[in-house]
Amino acid sequence: VSKGSELTISYGVPYNQFRLLVVFGFFDIGCEEIFSNMNFPGKDQDEALVDMGCTDPSKLVFRVDAGLAANAVWDASLYIALSSNPKEQRALHDAHLRGDRKAKSALHAKQIGRAH
C-alpha cells in the first residue's frame, strides 16, 4: 500500500445489510431497508405463504427510517407460529386474501396474548 493511499476493508456481500448488522453490529444508514433473511423449510411450496408475499425477499424487510418490520415479516412469523393450528393458519390466509386487516390484526393480537 502506497503512503497516503486509501485503505479499505470488505465485510463480504455489499448488499446484505442484515449480515452486517448481525455479525458486525452496524449497517449502512444510507439504506432504506434491511432484508430480514427469514428462512424456513418448505416456504416456497406453501401456497398460503406465497399468496401472502412471505416468500418474496423484497417484501420481507425492516424499514430503516422507522425501525418497522414489513407486514409480510409479521404475517410469515404468525403463520409459522400457527403451524400447530391449521384452522387459524387458514383464517390468516383467508383474511389476507380478502384484504381483511381487522381479522389479521385480531389473529396477531391473539398470538401475542398467548406468548405472555
Protein backbone atom coordinates (compact mmCIF):
# COMPACT_ATOMS: atom_id res chain seq x y z
CA VAL A 1 0.00 0.00 0.00
CA SER A 2 1.43 3.35 -1.02
CA LYS A 3 1.82 6.08 1.55
CA GLY A 4 -1.25 8.33 1.54
CA SER A 5 -3.44 5.91 -0.41
CA GLU A 6 -6.83 4.88 0.86
CA LEU A 7 -7.07 1.58 2.72
CA THR A 8 -10.41 -0.22 2.67
CA ILE A 9 -11.85 -3.40 4.10
CA SER A 10 -14.56 -5.64 2.71
CA TYR A 11 -17.16 -7.12 5.04
CA GLY A 12 -18.40 -9.55 2.42
CA VAL A 13 -21.56 -9.21 0.39
CA PRO A 14 -22.20 -5.44 -0.01
CA TYR A 15 -25.99 -5.69 -0.42
CA ASN A 16 -26.64 -7.82 2.66
CA GLN A 17 -27.17 -5.21 5.38
CA PHE A 18 -28.72 -7.86 7.64
CA ARG A 19 -25.40 -9.71 7.77
CA LEU A 20 -23.54 -6.51 8.65
CA LEU A 21 -25.99 -5.80 11.46
CA VAL A 22 -25.99 -9.31 12.93
CA VAL A 23 -22.31 -10.15 12.50
CA PHE A 24 -20.63 -6.77 12.94
CA GLY A 25 -23.26 -4.74 14.82
CA PHE A 26 -23.71 -1.96 12.28
CA PHE A 27 -25.16 -1.30 8.83
CA ASP A 28 -25.10 1.41 6.18
CA ILE A 29 -27.53 4.06 7.42
CA GLY A 30 -27.96 5.18 3.82
CA CYS A 31 -30.03 2.10 3.01
CA GLU A 32 -33.82 2.28 3.22
CA GLU A 33 -34.49 -1.37 4.05
CA ILE A 34 -32.74 -4.36 5.56
CA PHE A 35 -33.74 -7.79 4.30
CA SER A 36 -34.95 -9.94 7.18
CA ASN A 37 -33.30 -13.12 5.86
CA MET A 38 -36.28 -15.12 7.11
CA ASN A 39 -35.82 -18.69 6.03
CA PHE A 40 -37.97 -21.65 6.94
CA PRO A 41 -38.31 -25.12 5.40
CA GLY A 42 -40.80 -25.56 2.58
CA LYS A 43 -41.75 -21.88 2.37
CA ASP A 44 -41.68 -21.83 -1.44
CA GLN A 45 -44.01 -24.83 -1.60
CA ASP A 46 -46.57 -23.42 0.83
CA GLU A 47 -49.28 -21.80 -1.28
CA ALA A 48 -50.51 -19.61 1.58
CA LEU A 49 -47.06 -18.16 2.24
CA VAL A 50 -46.63 -17.48 -1.48
CA ASP A 51 -50.07 -15.81 -1.65
CA MET A 52 -49.26 -13.58 1.32
CA GLY A 53 -45.94 -12.47 -0.20
CA CYS A 54 -44.00 -14.23 2.53
CA THR A 55 -41.58 -15.89 0.12
CA ASP A 56 -40.61 -12.69 -1.67
CA PRO A 57 -37.35 -11.36 -0.16
CA SER A 58 -38.20 -7.83 -1.32
CA LYS A 59 -41.26 -7.88 0.99
CA LEU A 60 -39.52 -9.47 3.98
CA VAL A 61 -37.76 -6.31 5.13
CA PHE A 62 -37.27 -3.93 8.03
CA ARG A 63 -37.68 -0.21 7.28
CA VAL A 64 -34.57 1.58 8.49
CA ASP A 65 -36.16 5.04 8.83
CA ALA A 66 -38.94 3.85 11.12
CA GLY A 67 -37.45 0.65 12.52
CA LEU A 68 -40.56 -1.28 11.50
CA ALA A 69 -40.92 -4.78 10.12
CA ALA A 70 -42.94 -5.06 6.92
CA ASN A 71 -46.34 -6.74 7.15
CA ALA A 72 -45.02 -9.81 5.32
CA VAL A 73 -42.46 -10.33 8.13
CA TRP A 74 -45.24 -10.29 10.73
CA ASP A 75 -47.53 -12.48 8.64
CA ALA A 76 -44.81 -15.05 7.95
CA SER A 77 -43.88 -15.15 11.64
CA LEU A 78 -47.50 -15.63 12.67
CA TYR A 79 -48.18 -18.24 10.00
CA ILE A 80 -45.19 -20.30 11.18
CA ALA A 81 -46.18 -19.82 14.85
CA LEU A 82 -49.63 -21.17 13.98
CA SER A 83 -48.23 -24.35 12.40
CA SER A 84 -49.83 -26.45 15.13
CA ASN A 85 -53.20 -24.79 14.49
CA PRO A 86 -54.13 -25.26 10.80
CA LYS A 87 -57.56 -23.69 11.36
CA GLU A 88 -56.02 -20.37 12.44
CA GLN A 89 -53.41 -20.62 9.67
CA ARG A 90 -56.25 -20.86 7.15
CA ALA A 91 -58.04 -17.97 8.85
CA LEU A 92 -54.91 -15.80 8.47
CA HIS A 93 -54.55 -16.77 4.82
CA ASP A 94 -58.25 -16.16 4.11
CA ALA A 95 -58.15 -12.77 5.85
CA HIS A 96 -55.15 -11.81 3.73
CA LEU A 97 -56.90 -12.83 0.51
CA ARG A 98 -59.98 -10.82 1.49
CA GLY A 99 -57.88 -7.81 2.48
CA ASP A 100 -59.40 -8.02 5.96
CA ARG A 101 -56.81 -6.16 8.04
CA LYS A 102 -59.04 -6.24 11.13
CA ALA A 103 -59.22 -10.06 11.11
CA LYS A 104 -55.47 -10.32 10.57
CA SER A 105 -54.82 -7.89 13.42
CA ALA A 106 -57.08 -9.92 15.70
CA LEU A 107 -55.10 -13.09 14.91
CA HIS A 108 -51.82 -11.28 15.58
CA ALA A 109 -53.14 -9.91 18.88
CA LYS A 110 -54.40 -13.33 19.91
CA GLN A 111 -50.97 -14.88 19.28
CA ILE A 112 -49.21 -12.10 21.18
CA GLY A 113 -51.57 -12.79 24.11
CA ARG A 114 -50.54 -16.47 24.04
CA ALA A 115 -46.89 -15.51 24.28
CA HIS A 116 -47.36 -13.69 27.57
